[in-house]
Amino acid sequence: MTGGDALARQLAREGIRDIFGVPGVQLDYAVDGLARLPATSPIAYWNTRHEQATSYMADGYSRSTGRIGTCMVVPGPGLLNALAGVSTAYACSSRVLCISGQIPSDAIGRGLGLLHEIPDQSRILGTLTKWSARAESPRQVAPLVHEAVHQLRSGRPRPVGLEIPPDVLQATAEVSLLEPVAHDEPLAPDPAAVVRGARLLASAERPVIYAGGGAVAGNASQPLRRLAELLQCPVVMSPNGRGALDDRHPLALTWLAGRAPLSEADLVLGVGSRFLTGQDQLALAPGARCVLLNVEPGDLADPRHPDVAILGDAALGLSALCDELAGTGRSDGSGRRVWLDLDDVRRWAEDIQAQIEPQYSWVRALRAALPEDGILVNEFTQVGYMSQAAFPVYHPRSYISPGYQGTLGYGFPTALGARVANPDTPVLSISGDGGFGWGLSELSTARKFGIGLVTVVFNDQAYGNVRRAQVQQFDGRIFGSELLNPDFVDMAESFGVRGARATTPGELEGLLRETLGPAAEPVLIDVPVGVMPQPFRHLRESPVPKLRPAPLG
């Protein structure tokens, strides 16, 4: 078979059922291999209008399900376009397989100026993936696909890369396909470290659990809840860890509300978190001890200085801590009670959020309209910043953000991928007009494939953060931050997508209730807004109140 056939057939064997791609001459035989797959094991090919969308869609596909999201692009500029999404997947612990074309094998590294050639493409791809390789013959294609899937399913979830030159895709050879990768056993924690960590937890008077994105990526919600209830301690979720515990759970706190208990905790257990704010370790109360649990060794190292570091899978590590604590007699939490009044803490956070208008009203409209199991893909926009703290999240993988990468423009295409992966679940994308402009051509993709995504664009005719900073910091000089937008409703309709406009939170809620149903039709809602206040000063700098002890009884 050709190398292209080997690629397609091994991907199908490994369970890949969707590929997001842009075709091109270096990928002709790869695309033909997909077209020649038997009807019993097809792979859907979702061709986009820009390579950036392929990796974003793969990321949304993966993070909303935990499955592998796959993108395929031509070399050089195609790969460079896709790397924005790959870098977001890298930051957010997402299982993305990035398949890239190459220039012909005999020209690699020679600097001949061939079509799409860039210097040392393999090294560039390798810097943004946990593993990458290049196939040098058709016989190597299937084993490398197999290894790529093994890497994706073991250790920390992160993207991997596979390059295949066009001559390798076209050449024919006797190829042996491999049986699909068995699911690897997750990394078990060191029992001695678990014992030390459990002892600290058992002796703490004011413990707090801090759950990051790794708690979600590691499917650790059930043991997280068990441990929290055993210890009767609050669980603070980072912006990337939202949904690790249902926000309605009596021990669940957003990162905003969590500022209060973190300021007085005598022990913090960090799970699946980089445990950094900017460049420094998360600020803890003076004298507080720290236990970190992470599957990534680098996230247990400097500048963090934990009293106990537990290297291991989040779910296995939390379960082991529960089992060890059960041996101390604290098997059900009946011997403890929460050390602070969490309802009082939530009221404090609610009061802060209520001061930030109109963002808070828009966020409340989003939550009121989105069904409980719906997925919100949160872009970097004024309402999006507010959603990081004020949008209640009820299920793991139902809230998607760009993490520390802060990728403007990622939201719309990422949400398309999430909707492809979850055809029976409502998916809502919120963007600003600036970020939406990155991928607005993917309205064509949404219409072509009938991807039933509802997209809300908060339209202030500017890069809002930049404009506000210029006004506040530079004597009101506005330079390079204002935008000229099309009429988004007319533009959507020109693509065959339903367009609508909402001017109040009530109107938006009504439109969302109407459109977030089972219909598999894309919708774009334009929301004209004015200048909004900076939310971060209120959210991050409001003085933490004196904590009240939990009420008796």
Protein backbone atom coordinates (compact mmCIF):
# COMPACT_ATOMS: atom_id res chain seq x y z
CA MET A 1 0.00 0.00 0.00
CA THR A 2 1.06 3.62 -0.30
CA GLY A 3 2.28 5.58 2.68
CA GLY A 4 -0.97 7.52 2.46
CA ASP A 5 -2.97 4.29 2.68
CA ALA A 6 -0.88 3.17 5.66
CA LEU A 7 -1.52 6.47 7.42
CA ALA A 8 -5.28 6.35 6.90
CA ARG A 9 -5.68 2.68 7.79
CA GLN A 10 -3.57 2.82 10.93
CA LEU A 11 -5.39 5.94 12.10
CA ALA A 12 -8.69 4.11 11.58
CA ARG A 13 -7.38 1.11 13.54
CA GLU A 14 -6.42 3.40 16.40
CA GLY A 15 -9.98 4.69 16.62
CA ILE A 16 -9.55 8.06 14.94
CA ARG A 17 -12.88 8.99 13.38
CA ASP A 18 -12.48 12.70 12.56
CA ILE A 19 -9.67 14.74 11.00
CA PHE A 20 -9.68 18.52 10.63
CA GLY A 21 -7.54 19.59 7.72
CA VAL A 22 -6.67 21.77 4.75
CA PRO A 23 -5.52 19.77 1.72
CA GLY A 24 -2.50 20.62 -0.41
CA VAL A 25 -0.05 19.11 -2.85
CA GLN A 26 2.22 17.57 -0.19
CA LEU A 27 -0.81 15.79 1.29
CA ASP A 28 -2.48 14.51 -1.88
CA TYR A 29 -1.78 10.85 -1.14
CA ALA A 30 -2.72 11.25 2.53
CA VAL A 31 -6.12 12.69 1.60
CA ASP A 32 -6.60 10.00 -1.04
CA GLY A 33 -5.79 7.38 1.58
CA LEU A 34 -8.66 8.72 3.69
CA ALA A 35 -10.95 8.68 0.66
CA ARG A 36 -10.08 5.01 -0.02
CA LEU A 37 -10.88 3.77 3.47
CA PRO A 38 -13.53 1.03 3.56
CA ALA A 39 -17.03 2.01 4.61
CA THR A 40 -16.64 -0.15 7.73
CA SER A 41 -13.97 2.15 9.18
CA PRO A 42 -14.44 5.62 7.72
CA ILE A 43 -12.75 8.79 8.92
CA ALA A 44 -14.70 12.02 8.44
CA TYR A 45 -12.59 14.77 6.89
CA TRP A 46 -13.59 18.30 7.93
CA ASN A 47 -11.84 20.73 5.62
CA THR A 48 -11.59 24.26 7.03
CA ARG A 49 -10.86 27.67 5.52
CA HIS A 50 -7.63 28.26 7.46
CA GLU A 51 -5.03 25.94 8.99
CA GLN A 52 -5.35 27.68 12.35
CA ALA A 53 -8.88 26.36 12.60
CA THR A 54 -7.75 22.75 12.10
CA SER A 55 -5.74 22.63 15.32
CA TYR A 56 -8.24 24.69 17.30
CA MET A 57 -11.04 22.36 16.23
CA ALA A 58 -8.91 19.35 17.17
CA ASP A 59 -8.27 20.93 20.58
CA GLY A 60 -11.98 21.61 21.21
CA TYR A 61 -12.79 18.08 20.07
CA SER A 62 -10.29 16.64 22.54
CA ARG A 63 -10.87 18.83 25.58
CA SER A 64 -14.64 18.41 25.48
CA THR A 65 -14.38 14.60 25.35
CA GLY A 66 -10.91 13.42 26.40
CA ARG A 67 -10.55 11.69 23.02
CA ILE A 68 -7.78 12.35 20.50
CA GLY A 69 -8.36 15.36 18.24
CA THR A 70 -6.51 15.17 14.93
CA CYS A 71 -5.46 17.87 12.48
CA MET A 72 -3.56 17.56 9.20
CA VAL A 73 -1.84 20.43 7.36
CA VAL A 74 0.72 21.10 4.66
CA PRO A 75 4.28 21.96 5.70
CA GLY A 76 5.81 25.40 6.20
CA PRO A 77 3.15 28.10 6.37
CA GLY A 78 0.40 25.50 6.85
CA LEU A 79 2.07 24.07 9.92
CA LEU A 80 3.02 27.52 11.23
CA ASN A 81 -0.62 28.59 10.98
CA ALA A 82 -1.72 25.49 12.89
CA LEU A 83 0.84 25.91 15.67
CA ALA A 84 -1.25 28.56 17.45
CA GLY A 85 -3.80 25.85 18.21
CA VAL A 86 -1.08 23.32 19.02
CA SER A 87 0.45 25.73 21.54
CA THR A 88 -2.96 26.18 23.19
CA ALA A 89 -3.36 22.39 23.36
CA TYR A 90 0.12 22.18 24.89
CA ALA A 91 -0.80 24.73 27.56
CA CYS A 92 -4.13 23.08 28.33
CA SER A 93 -3.10 19.39 28.47
CA SER A 94 -5.04 18.39 25.36
CA ARG A 95 -4.65 15.21 23.30
CA VAL A 96 -4.05 16.63 19.81
CA LEU A 97 -2.34 14.71 17.01
CA CYS A 98 -0.83 17.18 14.52
CA ILE A 99 0.02 15.51 11.19
CA SER A 100 2.16 17.70 8.94
CA GLY A 101 3.39 17.31 5.42
CA GLN A 102 7.03 17.94 4.53
CA ILE A 103 9.11 18.78 1.50
CA PRO A 104 10.56 15.80 -0.44
CA SER A 105 12.84 13.65 1.71
CA ASP A 106 16.00 14.17 -0.32
CA ALA A 107 15.69 17.98 0.01
CA ILE A 108 15.10 18.25 3.76
CA GLY A 109 17.76 20.39 5.41
CA ARG A 110 19.40 21.49 2.16
CA GLY A 111 17.88 24.99 1.98
CA LEU A 112 16.91 24.74 -1.71
CA GLY A 113 13.87 26.99 -1.40
CA LEU A 114 11.30 24.36 -2.31
CA LEU A 115 7.59 25.01 -2.00
CA HIS A 116 6.63 25.50 1.67
CA GLU A 117 10.16 24.86 2.93
CA ILE A 118 11.16 26.40 6.25
CA PRO A 119 14.41 25.84 8.14
CA ASP A 120 14.32 22.92 10.59
CA GLN A 121 10.58 22.34 10.58
CA SER A 122 11.01 19.18 12.68
CA ARG A 123 12.62 21.13 15.51
CA ILE A 124 9.89 23.78 15.41
CA LEU A 125 7.18 21.13 15.68
CA GLY A 126 9.11 19.37 18.44
CA THR A 127 9.19 22.44 20.66
CA LEU A 128 5.39 22.52 20.96
CA THR A 129 4.71 18.81 21.33
CA LYS A 130 5.58 16.17 23.94
CA TRP A 131 6.78 13.80 21.16
CA SER A 132 7.32 14.13 17.43
CA ALA A 133 8.79 12.06 14.62
CA ARG A 134 9.22 11.97 10.85
CA ALA A 135 8.49 8.95 8.68
CA GLU A 136 11.23 8.07 6.20
CA SER A 137 9.49 5.17 4.41
CA PRO A 138 5.96 3.80 3.99
CA ARG A 139 6.86 0.93 6.34
CA GLN A 140 7.51 3.40 9.16
CA VAL A 141 4.15 5.16 8.90
CA ALA A 142 1.99 2.65 10.77
CA PRO A 143 4.47 2.12 13.66
CA LEU A 144 4.88 5.89 14.07
CA VAL A 145 1.11 6.45 14.12
CA HIS A 146 0.92 3.68 16.71
CA GLU A 147 3.60 5.32 18.85
CA ALA A 148 1.97 8.74 18.50
CA VAL A 149 -1.28 7.34 19.89
CA HIS A 150 0.63 5.62 22.69
CA GLN A 151 2.23 8.95 23.61
CA LEU A 152 -1.14 10.69 23.53
CA ARG A 153 -2.69 8.16 25.89
CA SER A 154 0.15 7.96 28.41
CA GLY A 155 1.50 10.42 30.96
CA ARG A 156 0.41 14.02 30.79
CA PRO A 157 -2.04 14.70 27.94
CA ARG A 158 -0.28 16.94 25.45
CA PRO A 159 -0.11 17.24 21.66
CA VAL A 160 2.20 15.10 19.55
CA GLY A 161 3.49 15.68 16.00
CA LEU A 162 4.05 13.44 12.99
CA GLU A 163 5.68 14.60 9.74
CA ILE A 164 5.39 12.62 6.51
CA PRO A 165 7.14 13.79 3.30
CA PRO A 166 5.14 13.58 0.05
CA ASP A 167 7.41 10.93 -1.49
CA VAL A 168 6.81 8.68 1.54
CA LEU A 169 3.05 9.16 1.21
CA GLN A 170 3.19 8.30 -2.49
CA ALA A 171 5.63 5.37 -2.39
CA THR A 172 4.33 1.80 -2.25
CA ALA A 173 5.66 -0.95 0.01
CA GLU A 174 4.64 -4.08 1.88
CA VAL A 175 3.19 -2.58 5.06
CA SER A 176 2.16 -4.34 8.26
CA LEU A 177 -0.57 -2.59 10.19
CA LEU A 178 -0.50 -2.84 13.98
CA GLU A 179 -3.18 -3.69 16.48
CA PRO A 180 -4.52 -0.54 18.18
CA VAL A 181 -2.78 0.84 21.23
CA ALA A 182 -4.07 -0.62 24.47
CA HIS A 183 -4.97 2.01 27.00
CA ASP A 184 -1.87 2.53 29.09
CA GLU A 185 -2.03 2.23 32.82
CA PRO A 186 -1.88 5.73 34.33
CA LEU A 187 1.13 6.64 36.42
CA ALA A 188 0.65 5.31 39.95
CA PRO A 189 1.91 7.57 42.76
CA ASP A 190 4.77 6.64 45.07
CA PRO A 191 3.17 5.02 48.17
CA ALA A 192 5.67 6.66 50.51
CA ALA A 193 4.84 10.13 49.16
CA VAL A 194 1.13 9.38 49.52
CA VAL A 195 1.65 8.43 53.17
CA ARG A 196 3.51 11.68 53.87
CA GLY A 197 0.87 13.73 52.10
CA ALA A 198 -1.98 11.99 53.92
CA ARG A 199 -0.33 12.64 57.28
CA LEU A 200 -0.18 16.36 56.56
CA LEU A 201 -3.81 16.39 55.42
CA ALA A 202 -4.92 14.49 58.52
CA SER A 203 -3.17 16.90 60.85
CA ALA A 204 -4.32 20.11 59.13
CA GLU A 205 -6.90 22.29 60.86
CA ARG A 206 -7.66 24.53 57.88
CA PRO A 207 -7.05 22.43 54.72
CA VAL A 208 -7.90 23.56 51.18
CA ILE A 209 -7.76 21.62 47.91
CA TYR A 210 -6.74 23.61 44.83
CA ALA A 211 -7.81 21.86 41.61
CA GLY A 212 -6.27 22.81 38.28
CA GLY A 213 -6.84 21.80 34.68
CA GLY A 214 -5.05 18.51 35.27
CA ALA A 215 -7.86 17.40 37.57
CA VAL A 216 -10.23 17.75 34.60
CA ALA A 217 -7.84 16.33 31.99
CA GLY A 218 -7.08 13.42 34.32
CA ASN A 219 -10.77 12.57 34.87
CA ALA A 220 -10.28 12.98 38.60
CA SER A 221 -13.64 14.50 39.58
CA GLN A 222 -14.96 11.49 41.46
CA PRO A 223 -11.95 10.96 43.77
CA LEU A 224 -11.64 14.74 44.16
CA ARG A 225 -15.16 14.90 45.50
CA ARG A 226 -14.54 11.89 47.74
CA LEU A 227 -11.42 13.42 49.28
CA ALA A 228 -13.07 16.81 49.79
CA GLU A 229 -16.03 15.22 51.56
CA LEU A 230 -13.71 13.05 53.66
CA LEU A 231 -11.71 16.09 54.78
CA GLN A 232 -14.74 18.41 54.76
CA CYS A 233 -12.58 21.06 53.16
CA PRO A 234 -13.24 23.58 50.38
CA VAL A 235 -12.18 22.86 46.81
CA VAL A 236 -10.92 25.94 44.97
CA MET A 237 -10.93 25.52 41.18
CA SER A 238 -8.50 27.43 39.00
CA PRO A 239 -9.88 29.07 35.84
CA ASN A 240 -8.69 26.03 33.87
CA GLY A 241 -10.00 23.64 36.51
CA ARG A 242 -13.61 24.81 36.38
CA GLY A 243 -15.98 21.86 36.43
CA ALA A 244 -13.62 19.56 38.33
CA LEU A 245 -16.30 19.75 41.03
CA ASP A 246 -19.88 20.83 40.39
CA ASP A 247 -20.20 24.50 41.42
CA ARG A 248 -23.41 23.55 43.25
CA HIS A 249 -21.52 21.21 45.59
CA PRO A 250 -21.41 22.66 49.12
CA LEU A 251 -17.58 22.47 49.16
CA ALA A 252 -16.97 23.95 45.67
CA LEU A 253 -15.51 27.45 45.23
CA THR A 254 -14.44 29.40 42.17
CA TRP A 255 -10.96 30.88 42.14
CA LEU A 256 -12.47 34.23 43.16
CA ALA A 257 -14.26 32.89 46.23
CA GLY A 258 -11.24 30.71 46.87
CA ARG A 259 -9.05 33.74 47.56
CA ALA A 260 -10.59 33.84 51.01
CA PRO A 261 -9.79 30.34 52.33
CA LEU A 262 -6.39 30.32 50.63
CA SER A 263 -5.49 33.41 52.66
CA GLU A 264 -5.90 31.51 55.94
CA ALA A 265 -5.34 27.83 55.08
CA ASP A 266 -2.68 25.98 57.04
CA LEU A 267 -2.36 23.32 54.30
CA VAL A 268 -3.08 23.41 50.57
CA LEU A 269 -3.24 20.32 48.37
CA GLY A 270 -2.65 21.36 44.74
CA VAL A 271 -3.96 18.81 42.21
CA GLY A 272 -3.19 18.95 38.50
CA SER A 273 -2.12 22.58 38.64
CA ARG A 274 1.04 24.41 37.60
CA PHE A 275 0.51 26.16 40.94
CA LEU A 276 1.85 29.41 39.59
CA THR A 277 0.48 32.91 39.28
CA GLY A 278 2.48 34.54 36.52
CA GLN A 279 6.03 33.60 37.38
CA ASP A 280 5.62 32.85 41.09
CA GLN A 281 4.14 30.14 43.26
CA LEU A 282 0.53 30.71 44.21
CA ALA A 283 0.45 32.93 47.28
CA LEU A 284 -0.42 31.04 50.46
CA ALA A 285 -0.95 32.13 54.04
CA PRO A 286 2.23 32.58 56.10
CA GLY A 287 3.37 29.23 57.46
CA ALA A 288 0.99 27.22 55.28
CA ARG A 289 2.25 23.83 54.17
CA CYS A 290 1.85 22.56 50.62
CA VAL A 291 1.29 19.14 49.04
CA LEU A 292 1.39 18.96 45.24
CA LEU A 293 0.04 16.10 43.13
CA ASN A 294 0.88 16.17 39.43
CA VAL A 295 1.68 13.77 36.60
CA GLU A 296 4.17 16.28 35.15
CA PRO A 297 7.55 16.28 36.99
CA GLY A 298 8.30 19.85 35.89
CA ASP A 299 5.19 21.11 37.68
CA LEU A 300 6.56 19.84 40.98
CA ALA A 301 9.89 21.62 40.64
CA ASP A 302 11.26 25.13 41.20
CA PRO A 303 9.90 27.79 41.73
CA ARG A 304 7.45 25.63 43.69
CA HIS A 305 8.64 24.37 47.07
CA PRO A 306 6.12 21.77 48.26
CA ASP A 307 6.48 20.04 51.60
CA VAL A 308 5.41 16.84 49.83
CA ALA A 309 5.51 16.26 46.06
CA ILE A 310 3.47 13.34 44.71
CA LEU A 311 4.29 12.40 41.13
CA GLY A 312 1.37 10.52 39.64
CA ASP A 313 -1.96 10.49 37.89
CA ALA A 314 -4.46 12.87 39.49
CA ALA A 315 -7.25 10.30 39.84
CA LEU A 316 -4.97 7.57 41.19
CA GLY A 317 -3.22 9.98 43.54
CA LEU A 318 -6.45 11.33 45.01
CA SER A 319 -7.83 7.82 45.41
CA ALA A 320 -4.63 6.73 47.17
CA LEU A 321 -4.86 9.69 49.55
CA CYS A 322 -8.46 8.76 50.33
CA ASP A 323 -7.50 5.16 51.05
CA GLU A 324 -4.60 6.23 53.24
CA LEU A 325 -6.78 8.67 55.20
CA ALA A 326 -9.39 5.97 55.66
CA GLY A 327 -6.76 4.09 57.62
CA THR A 328 -6.64 7.00 60.08
CA GLY A 329 -10.31 6.55 60.89
CA ARG A 330 -11.50 9.45 58.73
CA SER A 331 -13.27 7.32 56.16
CA ASP A 332 -16.44 9.34 55.66
CA GLY A 333 -15.79 12.87 56.90
CA SER A 334 -18.09 12.36 59.88
CA GLY A 335 -15.36 13.35 62.33
CA ARG A 336 -14.78 16.77 60.76
CA ARG A 337 -16.71 19.83 59.77
CA VAL A 338 -15.83 22.62 57.40
CA TRP A 339 -13.60 25.14 59.13
CA LEU A 340 -15.17 28.26 57.61
CA ASP A 341 -18.57 29.49 56.53
CA LEU A 342 -18.49 28.83 52.79
CA ASP A 343 -21.88 30.43 52.20
CA ASP A 344 -20.50 33.64 53.66
CA VAL A 345 -17.49 33.39 51.33
CA ARG A 346 -19.77 32.89 48.33
CA ARG A 347 -21.83 35.93 49.28
CA TRP A 348 -18.64 37.99 49.40
CA ALA A 349 -17.67 36.80 45.90
CA GLU A 350 -21.20 37.42 44.65
CA ASP A 351 -21.14 40.99 45.96
CA ILE A 352 -17.89 41.66 44.10
CA GLN A 353 -19.26 40.22 40.85
CA ALA A 354 -22.48 42.20 41.12
CA GLN A 355 -20.45 45.43 41.06
CA ILE A 356 -19.06 44.66 37.60
CA GLU A 357 -21.70 45.70 35.13
CA PRO A 358 -22.81 45.17 32.45
CA GLN A 359 -20.63 42.03 32.28
CA TYR A 360 -22.33 40.31 35.19
CA SER A 361 -25.80 40.64 33.65
CA TRP A 362 -24.57 39.23 30.35
CA VAL A 363 -22.95 36.25 32.13
CA ARG A 364 -26.14 35.53 34.05
CA ALA A 365 -28.06 35.52 30.77
CA LEU A 366 -25.63 32.99 29.30
CA ARG A 367 -25.97 30.63 32.25
CA ALA A 368 -29.74 30.97 32.42
CA ALA A 369 -30.09 29.95 28.76
CA LEU A 370 -27.44 27.24 28.43
CA PRO A 371 -28.74 23.82 29.51
CA GLU A 372 -27.04 22.24 32.50
CA ASP A 373 -25.01 19.84 30.35
CA GLY A 374 -24.14 22.48 27.75
CA ILE A 375 -20.56 23.45 26.91
CA LEU A 376 -19.28 27.04 27.07
CA VAL A 377 -16.15 27.91 25.09
CA ASN A 378 -14.90 31.10 26.69
CA GLU A 379 -12.88 33.50 24.57
CA PHE A 380 -10.78 36.42 25.82
CA THR A 381 -13.44 39.12 25.74
CA GLN A 382 -14.87 41.48 28.35
CA VAL A 383 -17.76 39.14 29.16
CA GLY A 384 -15.38 36.20 28.91
CA TYR A 385 -13.11 37.59 31.61
CA MET A 386 -16.11 37.83 33.88
CA SER A 387 -17.18 34.30 33.00
CA GLN A 388 -13.92 32.94 34.41
CA ALA A 389 -15.32 33.52 37.88
CA ALA A 390 -19.03 34.26 37.54
CA PHE A 391 -20.26 31.56 35.14
CA PRO A 392 -21.35 28.49 37.17
CA VAL A 393 -19.96 25.21 35.78
CA TYR A 394 -21.67 21.93 36.59
CA HIS A 395 -19.78 19.21 34.76
CA PRO A 396 -16.17 18.39 33.82
CA ARG A 397 -15.21 19.34 30.24
CA SER A 398 -18.17 21.72 29.95
CA TYR A 399 -16.07 24.89 30.26
CA ILE A 400 -13.17 25.47 27.85
CA SER A 401 -10.69 28.34 28.03
CA PRO A 402 -7.31 29.04 26.38
CA GLY A 403 -5.42 28.57 29.66
CA TYR A 404 -2.18 30.42 30.22
CA GLN A 405 -1.61 30.71 26.48
CA GLY A 406 -4.33 33.38 26.38
CA THR A 407 -4.93 32.78 22.68
CA LEU A 408 -7.06 35.55 21.21
CA GLY A 409 -9.18 34.20 18.36
CA TYR A 410 -9.16 30.58 19.49
CA GLY A 411 -12.77 30.50 20.71
CA PHE A 412 -14.96 30.19 17.61
CA PRO A 413 -13.03 27.39 15.84
CA THR A 414 -12.41 25.57 19.13
CA ALA A 415 -16.14 25.59 19.79
CA LEU A 416 -16.75 24.18 16.30
CA GLY A 417 -14.55 21.22 17.20
CA ALA A 418 -16.34 20.76 20.52
CA ARG A 419 -19.68 20.68 18.72
CA VAL A 420 -18.42 18.13 16.17
CA ALA A 421 -17.33 15.89 19.06
CA ASN A 422 -20.63 16.41 20.93
CA PRO A 423 -23.37 16.50 18.28
CA ASP A 424 -26.13 15.99 20.86
CA THR A 425 -24.90 18.58 23.38
CA PRO A 426 -25.53 22.34 23.13
CA VAL A 427 -22.28 24.24 22.62
CA LEU A 428 -22.05 28.01 23.08
CA SER A 429 -19.12 30.15 21.91
CA ILE A 430 -18.62 33.68 23.19
CA SER A 431 -16.13 36.04 21.55
CA GLY A 432 -15.36 39.68 21.18
CA ASP A 433 -15.40 41.22 17.75
CA GLY A 434 -11.59 41.34 17.76
CA GLY A 435 -11.09 37.65 18.53
CA PHE A 436 -13.94 36.52 16.31
CA GLY A 437 -12.27 38.26 13.37
CA TRP A 438 -9.45 35.69 13.43
CA GLY A 439 -11.72 32.86 12.32
CA LEU A 440 -14.89 34.37 10.92
CA SER A 441 -14.29 32.62 7.58
CA GLU A 442 -15.08 29.37 9.40
CA LEU A 443 -18.73 30.36 9.17
CA SER A 444 -18.34 28.64 5.82
CA THR A 445 -17.18 25.46 7.58
CA ALA A 446 -20.08 25.63 10.01
CA ARG A 447 -22.57 26.01 7.17
CA LYS A 448 -21.00 23.39 4.88
CA PHE A 449 -21.07 20.67 7.52
CA GLY A 450 -24.16 21.83 9.40
CA ILE A 451 -22.25 22.27 12.66
CA GLY A 452 -24.94 23.44 15.07
CA LEU A 453 -22.85 25.89 17.08
CA VAL A 454 -24.35 29.03 18.60
CA THR A 455 -21.84 31.89 18.59
CA VAL A 456 -22.26 35.17 20.47
CA VAL A 457 -20.06 38.11 19.42
CA PHE A 458 -19.85 40.97 21.93
CA ASN A 459 -19.14 43.83 19.56
CA ASP A 460 -17.49 46.99 20.86
CA GLN A 461 -15.72 47.93 17.59
CA ALA A 462 -12.29 47.64 19.19
CA TYR A 463 -9.65 45.54 20.84
CA GLY A 464 -11.38 46.54 24.06
CA ASN A 465 -8.62 45.84 26.57
CA VAL A 466 -6.03 47.69 24.53
CA ARG A 467 -8.28 50.71 23.96
CA ARG A 468 -9.16 50.96 27.64
CA ALA A 469 -5.50 50.71 28.67
CA GLN A 470 -4.58 53.45 26.21
CA VAL A 471 -7.26 55.76 27.58
CA GLN A 472 -6.24 55.13 31.19
CA GLN A 473 -2.47 55.07 30.85
CA PHE A 474 -1.61 57.37 27.97
CA ASP A 475 -3.68 60.54 28.42
CA GLY A 476 -6.53 59.13 26.36
CA ARG A 477 -4.47 58.53 23.22
CA ILE A 478 -6.16 55.79 21.18
CA PHE A 479 -3.86 54.29 18.60
CA GLY A 480 -4.28 51.07 16.60
CA SER A 481 -7.00 49.60 18.79
CA GLU A 482 -10.23 50.56 16.99
CA LEU A 483 -11.84 48.19 14.47
CA LEU A 484 -14.06 48.47 11.43
CA ASN A 485 -16.49 45.56 11.44
CA PRO A 486 -19.00 44.28 8.92
CA ASP A 487 -22.63 43.95 9.83
CA PHE A 488 -22.24 40.55 11.51
CA VAL A 489 -25.89 39.60 10.97
CA ASP A 490 -25.73 40.33 7.23
CA MET A 491 -22.34 38.61 6.99
CA ALA A 492 -23.64 35.45 8.70
CA GLU A 493 -26.61 35.33 6.39
CA SER A 494 -24.35 35.72 3.36
CA PHE A 495 -22.75 32.41 4.44
CA GLY A 496 -26.17 30.83 4.83
CA VAL A 497 -25.91 31.01 8.62
CA ARG A 498 -28.77 32.39 10.67
CA GLY A 499 -27.90 35.83 12.04
CA ALA A 500 -29.57 37.66 14.90
CA ARG A 501 -28.95 40.63 17.15
CA ALA A 502 -29.52 41.16 20.88
CA THR A 503 -29.22 44.51 22.62
CA THR A 504 -30.07 43.52 26.21
CA PRO A 505 -29.29 40.52 28.43
CA GLY A 506 -32.98 39.61 28.33
CA GLU A 507 -33.02 39.59 24.53
CA LEU A 508 -29.86 37.49 24.47
CA GLU A 509 -31.28 34.96 26.92
CA GLY A 510 -34.41 34.63 24.80
CA LEU A 511 -32.45 34.09 21.59
CA LEU A 512 -30.20 31.53 23.26
CA ARG A 513 -33.13 29.57 24.67
CA GLU A 514 -34.55 29.47 21.16
CA THR A 515 -31.35 28.46 19.36
CA LEU A 516 -29.52 26.20 21.85
CA GLY A 517 -31.92 23.38 21.16
CA PRO A 518 -31.39 20.14 19.22
CA ALA A 519 -31.44 21.77 15.76
CA ALA A 520 -28.16 21.15 13.95
CA GLU A 521 -27.94 24.64 12.48
CA PRO A 522 -25.22 27.25 13.10
CA VAL A 523 -26.31 30.59 14.54
CA LEU A 524 -24.44 33.89 15.00
CA ILE A 525 -25.74 36.47 17.49
CA ASP A 526 -24.31 39.98 17.33
CA VAL A 527 -24.41 41.86 20.66
CA PRO A 528 -23.47 45.55 20.32
CA VAL A 529 -21.87 46.80 23.54
CA GLY A 530 -20.09 49.90 24.74
CA VAL A 531 -16.91 50.36 26.77
CA MET A 532 -16.93 48.03 29.78
CA PRO A 533 -15.10 48.44 33.09
CA GLN A 534 -11.91 46.56 33.83
CA PRO A 535 -13.01 43.51 35.87
CA PHE A 536 -9.63 42.29 37.12
CA ARG A 537 -9.08 44.98 39.76
CA HIS A 538 -12.33 44.00 41.45
CA LEU A 539 -11.89 40.26 41.00
CA ARG A 540 -8.24 39.98 41.99
CA GLU A 541 -7.65 42.91 44.33
CA SER A 542 -10.80 43.30 46.44
CA PRO A 543 -9.80 42.90 50.12
CA VAL A 544 -10.51 39.46 51.50
CA PRO A 545 -12.94 39.61 54.43
CA LYS A 546 -12.28 38.18 57.86
CA LEU A 547 -13.44 34.60 57.65
CA ARG A 548 -16.26 33.35 59.81
CA PRO A 549 -16.16 29.83 61.23
CA ALA A 550 -18.67 27.35 59.89
CA PRO A 551 -21.99 27.45 61.73
CA LEU A 552 -22.67 24.60 64.13
CA GLY A 553 -25.28 22.00 63.27
